[in-house]
Amino acid sequence: MRARSTLVANATPPFFQELGQAGHEPLLEKISGTLRFDLRSRQKIDHWLVSIARGEIAITESDASADCVVQMDRALFERVANGTENAVAALLRGEIGVEGDIELLMLFDRLFPGPPSGHGTSAHSTGGGAGG
């Protein structure tokens, strides 16, 4: 998956749409499972279900059960989807809650973009998420 070259103000729907349209993701060829992202904003929670079957990805807006449930503030997810925040670093700071198979999140982290050009160096400046 390609990192975005510009920041998107509302990165969540485009991130999931692009991921779902990509279909097969070589970085996840050996992975099967489901992740649900519960994104809080004020009194609302948006649910995004990511189904992975040996690299084939399907996305739905659903609160169905999943192998890994990731809870975070929507604003934080926006920064992760833009590449301005590292998901693993946020997890270690306690800003992301995870229930279930955390390994799925660690593997999925490869799909998050690295920081935009010109943001200096960071733990994930070589592209991708923390695994990248």
N, C-alpha and C. Protein backbone atom coordinates (compact mmCIF):
# COMPACT_ATOMS: atom_id res chain seq x y z
N MET A 1 0.85 -1.18 0.00
CA MET A 1 0.00 0.00 0.00
C MET A 1 0.88 1.23 0.00
N ARG A 2 0.54 2.20 -0.79
CA ARG A 2 1.33 3.41 -0.91
C ARG A 2 0.98 4.42 0.18
N ALA A 3 2.01 5.10 0.67
CA ALA A 3 1.78 6.17 1.64
C ALA A 3 1.19 7.37 0.91
N ARG A 4 0.33 8.09 1.57
CA ARG A 4 -0.26 9.28 0.97
C ARG A 4 0.78 10.39 0.92
N SER A 5 0.74 11.16 -0.16
CA SER A 5 1.72 12.23 -0.30
C SER A 5 1.25 13.52 0.38
N THR A 6 -0.04 13.64 0.63
CA THR A 6 -0.55 14.82 1.31
C THR A 6 -1.44 14.39 2.47
N LEU A 7 -1.55 15.25 3.45
CA LEU A 7 -2.41 14.95 4.59
C LEU A 7 -3.87 15.10 4.20
N VAL A 8 -4.68 14.19 4.68
CA VAL A 8 -6.11 14.23 4.41
C VAL A 8 -6.81 14.59 5.71
N ALA A 9 -7.64 15.63 5.69
CA ALA A 9 -8.29 16.10 6.91
C ALA A 9 -9.18 15.02 7.52
N ASN A 10 -9.90 14.28 6.71
CA ASN A 10 -10.75 13.20 7.18
C ASN A 10 -10.24 11.92 6.54
N ALA A 11 -9.17 11.36 7.11
CA ALA A 11 -8.45 10.25 6.49
C ALA A 11 -9.09 8.89 6.71
N THR A 12 -10.02 8.76 7.65
CA THR A 12 -10.54 7.44 7.99
C THR A 12 -11.28 6.76 6.85
N PRO A 13 -12.37 7.35 6.31
CA PRO A 13 -13.05 6.65 5.21
C PRO A 13 -12.15 6.38 4.01
N PRO A 14 -11.35 7.36 3.54
CA PRO A 14 -10.47 7.06 2.41
C PRO A 14 -9.46 5.94 2.70
N PHE A 15 -8.94 5.91 3.93
CA PHE A 15 -7.98 4.86 4.28
C PHE A 15 -8.62 3.49 4.13
N PHE A 16 -9.80 3.32 4.72
CA PHE A 16 -10.46 2.01 4.65
C PHE A 16 -10.97 1.71 3.24
N GLN A 17 -11.46 2.71 2.52
CA GLN A 17 -11.92 2.48 1.14
C GLN A 17 -10.77 2.04 0.25
N GLU A 18 -9.65 2.72 0.34
CA GLU A 18 -8.48 2.37 -0.47
C GLU A 18 -8.01 0.96 -0.13
N LEU A 19 -8.00 0.64 1.13
CA LEU A 19 -7.58 -0.68 1.57
C LEU A 19 -8.51 -1.76 1.03
N GLY A 20 -9.81 -1.51 1.11
CA GLY A 20 -10.79 -2.47 0.62
C GLY A 20 -10.74 -2.64 -0.89
N GLN A 21 -10.48 -1.56 -1.60
CA GLN A 21 -10.42 -1.62 -3.06
C GLN A 21 -9.15 -2.29 -3.56
N ALA A 22 -8.11 -2.25 -2.75
CA ALA A 22 -6.84 -2.85 -3.16
C ALA A 22 -6.98 -4.37 -3.30
N GLY A 23 -7.91 -4.95 -2.54
CA GLY A 23 -8.14 -6.40 -2.63
C GLY A 23 -7.04 -7.21 -1.97
N HIS A 24 -6.01 -7.57 -2.72
CA HIS A 24 -4.94 -8.41 -2.19
C HIS A 24 -3.78 -7.56 -1.70
N GLU A 25 -3.32 -7.85 -0.50
CA GLU A 25 -2.20 -7.13 0.09
C GLU A 25 -1.06 -8.12 0.35
N PRO A 26 0.01 -8.04 -0.46
CA PRO A 26 1.12 -8.98 -0.31
C PRO A 26 1.73 -9.02 1.10
N LEU A 27 1.72 -7.91 1.81
CA LEU A 27 2.29 -7.88 3.16
C LEU A 27 1.53 -8.77 4.15
N LEU A 28 0.30 -9.14 3.79
CA LEU A 28 -0.53 -9.96 4.69
C LEU A 28 -0.87 -11.32 4.09
N GLU A 29 -0.07 -11.80 3.13
CA GLU A 29 -0.37 -13.05 2.44
C GLU A 29 -0.48 -14.26 3.37
N LYS A 30 0.21 -14.24 4.48
CA LYS A 30 0.20 -15.39 5.39
C LYS A 30 -0.75 -15.18 6.56
N ILE A 31 -1.59 -14.16 6.46
CA ILE A 31 -2.44 -13.77 7.58
C ILE A 31 -3.92 -14.01 7.26
N SER A 32 -4.64 -14.52 8.25
CA SER A 32 -6.10 -14.60 8.17
C SER A 32 -6.65 -14.21 9.53
N GLY A 33 -7.70 -13.41 9.52
CA GLY A 33 -8.32 -12.99 10.77
C GLY A 33 -9.12 -11.72 10.55
N THR A 34 -9.75 -11.25 11.62
CA THR A 34 -10.57 -10.04 11.54
C THR A 34 -10.12 -9.05 12.61
N LEU A 35 -10.13 -7.78 12.21
CA LEU A 35 -9.86 -6.68 13.14
C LEU A 35 -11.04 -5.74 13.08
N ARG A 36 -11.47 -5.26 14.22
CA ARG A 36 -12.51 -4.24 14.24
C ARG A 36 -11.92 -3.00 14.91
N PHE A 37 -12.04 -1.89 14.21
CA PHE A 37 -11.58 -0.61 14.75
C PHE A 37 -12.81 0.13 15.27
N ASP A 38 -12.83 0.41 16.57
CA ASP A 38 -13.89 1.20 17.21
C ASP A 38 -13.31 2.59 17.43
N LEU A 39 -13.78 3.55 16.65
CA LEU A 39 -13.22 4.90 16.67
C LEU A 39 -14.21 5.86 17.33
N ARG A 40 -13.81 6.41 18.48
CA ARG A 40 -14.67 7.29 19.27
C ARG A 40 -14.51 8.74 18.84
N SER A 41 -15.63 9.43 18.72
CA SER A 41 -15.62 10.89 18.52
C SER A 41 -16.85 11.42 19.24
N ARG A 42 -16.62 12.21 20.25
CA ARG A 42 -17.69 12.72 21.11
C ARG A 42 -18.52 11.56 21.64
N GLN A 43 -19.79 11.51 21.35
CA GLN A 43 -20.65 10.43 21.86
C GLN A 43 -20.86 9.31 20.85
N LYS A 44 -20.19 9.39 19.71
CA LYS A 44 -20.39 8.43 18.64
C LYS A 44 -19.19 7.48 18.52
N ILE A 45 -19.46 6.23 18.15
CA ILE A 45 -18.39 5.28 17.86
C ILE A 45 -18.63 4.73 16.46
N ASP A 46 -17.63 4.89 15.60
CA ASP A 46 -17.66 4.31 14.26
C ASP A 46 -16.95 2.97 14.31
N HIS A 47 -17.52 1.97 13.64
CA HIS A 47 -16.95 0.62 13.63
C HIS A 47 -16.53 0.27 12.22
N TRP A 48 -15.29 -0.15 12.05
CA TRP A 48 -14.76 -0.61 10.76
C TRP A 48 -14.24 -2.02 10.96
N LEU A 49 -14.79 -2.96 10.20
CA LEU A 49 -14.38 -4.36 10.30
C LEU A 49 -13.49 -4.70 9.11
N VAL A 50 -12.29 -5.17 9.41
CA VAL A 50 -11.32 -5.56 8.38
C VAL A 50 -11.20 -7.07 8.43
N SER A 51 -11.57 -7.72 7.33
CA SER A 51 -11.45 -9.17 7.23
C SER A 51 -10.27 -9.49 6.31
N ILE A 52 -9.36 -10.30 6.81
CA ILE A 52 -8.17 -10.67 6.04
C ILE A 52 -8.18 -12.18 5.86
N ALA A 53 -8.08 -12.62 4.62
CA ALA A 53 -8.01 -14.04 4.30
C ALA A 53 -6.83 -14.27 3.38
N ARG A 54 -5.67 -14.58 4.00
CA ARG A 54 -4.44 -14.82 3.24
C ARG A 54 -4.12 -13.68 2.29
N GLY A 55 -4.21 -12.47 2.81
CA GLY A 55 -3.87 -11.29 2.04
C GLY A 55 -5.04 -10.63 1.33
N GLU A 56 -6.15 -11.33 1.19
CA GLU A 56 -7.35 -10.73 0.58
C GLU A 56 -8.06 -9.94 1.67
N ILE A 57 -8.32 -8.67 1.39
CA ILE A 57 -8.90 -7.78 2.40
C ILE A 57 -10.29 -7.34 2.00
N ALA A 58 -11.21 -7.41 2.95
CA ALA A 58 -12.57 -6.89 2.77
C ALA A 58 -12.87 -5.97 3.94
N ILE A 59 -13.52 -4.86 3.65
CA ILE A 59 -13.83 -3.85 4.67
C ILE A 59 -15.33 -3.64 4.72
N THR A 60 -15.88 -3.60 5.92
CA THR A 60 -17.28 -3.23 6.11
C THR A 60 -17.38 -2.32 7.32
N GLU A 61 -18.43 -1.53 7.36
CA GLU A 61 -18.72 -0.74 8.56
C GLU A 61 -19.64 -1.60 9.39
N SER A 62 -19.09 -2.23 10.43
CA SER A 62 -19.84 -3.19 11.22
C SER A 62 -19.25 -3.29 12.61
N ASP A 63 -20.12 -3.59 13.59
CA ASP A 63 -19.65 -3.83 14.95
C ASP A 63 -19.69 -5.32 15.27
N ALA A 64 -19.56 -6.16 14.24
CA ALA A 64 -19.53 -7.61 14.43
C ALA A 64 -18.31 -8.00 15.27
N SER A 65 -18.38 -9.17 15.87
CA SER A 65 -17.24 -9.64 16.66
C SER A 65 -16.03 -9.83 15.75
N ALA A 66 -14.85 -9.72 16.34
CA ALA A 66 -13.61 -9.83 15.57
C ALA A 66 -12.54 -10.49 16.43
N ASP A 67 -11.51 -11.00 15.76
CA ASP A 67 -10.39 -11.62 16.47
C ASP A 67 -9.60 -10.60 17.28
N CYS A 68 -9.58 -9.37 16.80
CA CYS A 68 -8.87 -8.28 17.47
C CYS A 68 -9.74 -7.03 17.39
N VAL A 69 -10.03 -6.44 18.54
CA VAL A 69 -10.81 -5.20 18.58
C VAL A 69 -9.89 -4.09 19.07
N VAL A 70 -9.80 -3.04 18.25
CA VAL A 70 -8.91 -1.91 18.53
C VAL A 70 -9.78 -0.70 18.83
N GLN A 71 -9.59 -0.10 20.02
CA GLN A 71 -10.37 1.07 20.42
C GLN A 71 -9.45 2.26 20.56
N MET A 72 -9.87 3.36 19.89
CA MET A 72 -9.09 4.59 20.02
C MET A 72 -9.95 5.79 19.64
N ASP A 73 -9.44 6.94 19.97
CA ASP A 73 -10.08 8.18 19.58
C ASP A 73 -9.96 8.34 18.06
N ARG A 74 -11.03 8.81 17.44
CA ARG A 74 -11.00 8.97 15.98
C ARG A 74 -9.90 9.94 15.54
N ALA A 75 -9.67 11.00 16.30
CA ALA A 75 -8.62 11.96 15.95
C ALA A 75 -7.25 11.29 15.93
N LEU A 76 -7.02 10.37 16.85
CA LEU A 76 -5.76 9.62 16.87
C LEU A 76 -5.66 8.74 15.62
N PHE A 77 -6.77 8.07 15.27
CA PHE A 77 -6.73 7.25 14.07
C PHE A 77 -6.46 8.09 12.83
N GLU A 78 -7.02 9.29 12.79
CA GLU A 78 -6.76 10.19 11.65
C GLU A 78 -5.26 10.43 11.51
N ARG A 79 -4.58 10.66 12.63
CA ARG A 79 -3.14 10.91 12.58
C ARG A 79 -2.38 9.65 12.15
N VAL A 80 -2.82 8.49 12.62
CA VAL A 80 -2.19 7.23 12.21
C VAL A 80 -2.39 7.01 10.71
N ALA A 81 -3.62 7.24 10.23
CA ALA A 81 -3.93 7.04 8.81
C ALA A 81 -3.22 8.06 7.92
N ASN A 82 -2.89 9.22 8.45
CA ASN A 82 -2.13 10.24 7.71
C ASN A 82 -0.63 9.99 7.76
N GLY A 83 -0.18 9.13 8.67
CA GLY A 83 1.24 8.89 8.81
C GLY A 83 1.94 9.84 9.76
N THR A 84 1.17 10.67 10.47
CA THR A 84 1.79 11.61 11.40
C THR A 84 1.88 11.06 12.82
N GLU A 85 1.31 9.90 13.05
CA GLU A 85 1.36 9.24 14.36
C GLU A 85 1.67 7.77 14.14
N ASN A 86 2.43 7.18 15.02
CA ASN A 86 2.78 5.77 14.95
C ASN A 86 1.82 4.99 15.85
N ALA A 87 1.15 4.01 15.29
CA ALA A 87 0.15 3.24 16.04
C ALA A 87 0.77 2.48 17.20
N VAL A 88 1.94 1.88 16.99
CA VAL A 88 2.57 1.10 18.06
C VAL A 88 2.99 2.02 19.20
N ALA A 89 3.53 3.18 18.87
CA ALA A 89 3.91 4.14 19.92
C ALA A 89 2.68 4.56 20.72
N ALA A 90 1.56 4.82 20.03
CA ALA A 90 0.32 5.20 20.72
C ALA A 90 -0.19 4.06 21.59
N LEU A 91 -0.05 2.84 21.12
CA LEU A 91 -0.44 1.67 21.90
C LEU A 91 0.40 1.59 23.17
N LEU A 92 1.69 1.79 23.04
CA LEU A 92 2.58 1.73 24.20
C LEU A 92 2.31 2.86 25.19
N ARG A 93 1.82 3.99 24.71
CA ARG A 93 1.45 5.11 25.59
C ARG A 93 0.09 4.90 26.23
N GLY A 94 -0.62 3.85 25.87
CA GLY A 94 -1.93 3.57 26.44
C GLY A 94 -3.06 4.33 25.77
N GLU A 95 -2.83 4.90 24.59
CA GLU A 95 -3.85 5.65 23.88
C GLU A 95 -4.73 4.76 23.00
N ILE A 96 -4.32 3.51 22.84
CA ILE A 96 -5.08 2.54 22.05
C ILE A 96 -5.35 1.34 22.93
N GLY A 97 -6.61 0.91 22.95
CA GLY A 97 -6.98 -0.29 23.67
C GLY A 97 -7.11 -1.45 22.68
N VAL A 98 -6.68 -2.62 23.09
CA VAL A 98 -6.75 -3.79 22.22
C VAL A 98 -7.31 -4.97 23.02
N GLU A 99 -8.29 -5.64 22.43
CA GLU A 99 -8.84 -6.87 23.00
C GLU A 99 -8.66 -7.96 21.97
N GLY A 100 -8.21 -9.12 22.41
CA GLY A 100 -8.06 -10.24 21.49
C GLY A 100 -6.63 -10.37 20.98
N ASP A 101 -6.51 -10.78 19.73
CA ASP A 101 -5.23 -11.13 19.13
C ASP A 101 -4.43 -9.89 18.73
N ILE A 102 -3.58 -9.41 19.63
CA ILE A 102 -2.79 -8.19 19.37
C ILE A 102 -1.82 -8.40 18.21
N GLU A 103 -1.42 -9.64 17.94
CA GLU A 103 -0.50 -9.90 16.82
C GLU A 103 -1.12 -9.45 15.50
N LEU A 104 -2.43 -9.58 15.35
CA LEU A 104 -3.09 -9.10 14.13
C LEU A 104 -2.88 -7.60 13.95
N LEU A 105 -2.99 -6.84 15.03
CA LEU A 105 -2.77 -5.40 14.95
C LEU A 105 -1.32 -5.11 14.58
N MET A 106 -0.39 -5.84 15.17
CA MET A 106 1.03 -5.62 14.87
C MET A 106 1.31 -5.89 13.39
N LEU A 107 0.70 -6.89 12.82
CA LEU A 107 0.89 -7.20 11.41
C LEU A 107 0.17 -6.18 10.52
N PHE A 108 -1.03 -5.78 10.93
CA PHE A 108 -1.80 -4.78 10.17
C PHE A 108 -1.08 -3.44 10.17
N ASP A 109 -0.32 -3.16 11.20
CA ASP A 109 0.40 -1.89 11.32
C ASP A 109 1.28 -1.61 10.10
N ARG A 110 1.71 -2.65 9.40
CA ARG A 110 2.52 -2.48 8.19
C ARG A 110 1.80 -1.67 7.11
N LEU A 111 0.47 -1.63 7.17
CA LEU A 111 -0.31 -0.97 6.13
C LEU A 111 -0.49 0.52 6.38
N PHE A 112 -0.19 0.98 7.58
CA PHE A 112 -0.29 2.41 7.85
C PHE A 112 0.86 3.13 7.18
N PRO A 113 0.62 4.31 6.62
CA PRO A 113 1.69 5.03 5.94
C PRO A 113 2.72 5.56 6.92
N GLY A 114 3.93 5.76 6.40
CA GLY A 114 4.97 6.41 7.18
C GLY A 114 4.69 7.90 7.20
N PRO A 115 5.55 8.66 7.85
CA PRO A 115 5.32 10.10 7.94
C PRO A 115 5.44 10.77 6.58
N PRO A 116 4.70 11.87 6.38
CA PRO A 116 4.83 12.63 5.13
C PRO A 116 6.25 13.16 4.97
N SER A 117 6.65 13.43 3.76
CA SER A 117 7.99 13.97 3.49
C SER A 117 8.20 15.27 4.25
N GLY A 118 9.41 15.46 4.73
CA GLY A 118 9.74 16.71 5.40
C GLY A 118 9.43 16.73 6.87
N HIS A 119 8.97 15.62 7.45
CA HIS A 119 8.67 15.61 8.88
C HIS A 119 9.83 15.10 9.71
N GLY A 120 11.02 15.06 9.14
CA GLY A 120 12.18 14.62 9.91
C GLY A 120 12.17 13.12 10.07
N THR A 121 12.99 12.64 10.99
CA THR A 121 13.08 11.21 11.21
C THR A 121 12.30 10.83 12.44
N SER A 122 11.83 9.60 12.43
CA SER A 122 11.12 9.06 13.59
C SER A 122 11.30 7.55 13.57
N ALA A 123 10.67 6.88 14.50
CA ALA A 123 10.79 5.43 14.59
C ALA A 123 10.29 4.72 13.35
N HIS A 124 9.41 5.36 12.58
CA HIS A 124 8.88 4.70 11.39
C HIS A 124 9.08 5.52 10.12
N SER A 125 10.18 6.24 10.06
CA SER A 125 10.40 7.12 8.92
C SER A 125 10.80 6.40 7.64
N THR A 126 11.03 5.10 7.69
CA THR A 126 11.44 4.38 6.51
C THR A 126 10.24 3.90 5.70
N GLY A 127 9.04 4.31 6.05
CA GLY A 127 7.83 3.87 5.36
C GLY A 127 6.99 3.07 6.30
N GLY A 128 5.83 2.61 5.87
CA GLY A 128 4.98 1.75 6.69
C GLY A 128 4.90 2.15 8.14
N GLY A 129 4.23 1.32 8.91
CA GLY A 129 4.11 1.57 10.33
C GLY A 129 5.37 1.16 11.05
N ALA A 130 5.24 0.76 12.29
CA ALA A 130 6.40 0.39 13.10
C ALA A 130 7.10 -0.83 12.54
N GLY A 131 6.35 -1.67 11.84
CA GLY A 131 6.95 -2.86 11.25
C GLY A 131 7.63 -2.58 9.94
N GLY A 132 7.52 -1.35 9.39
CA GLY A 132 7.89 -1.01 8.08
C GLY A 132 9.25 -0.70 7.73
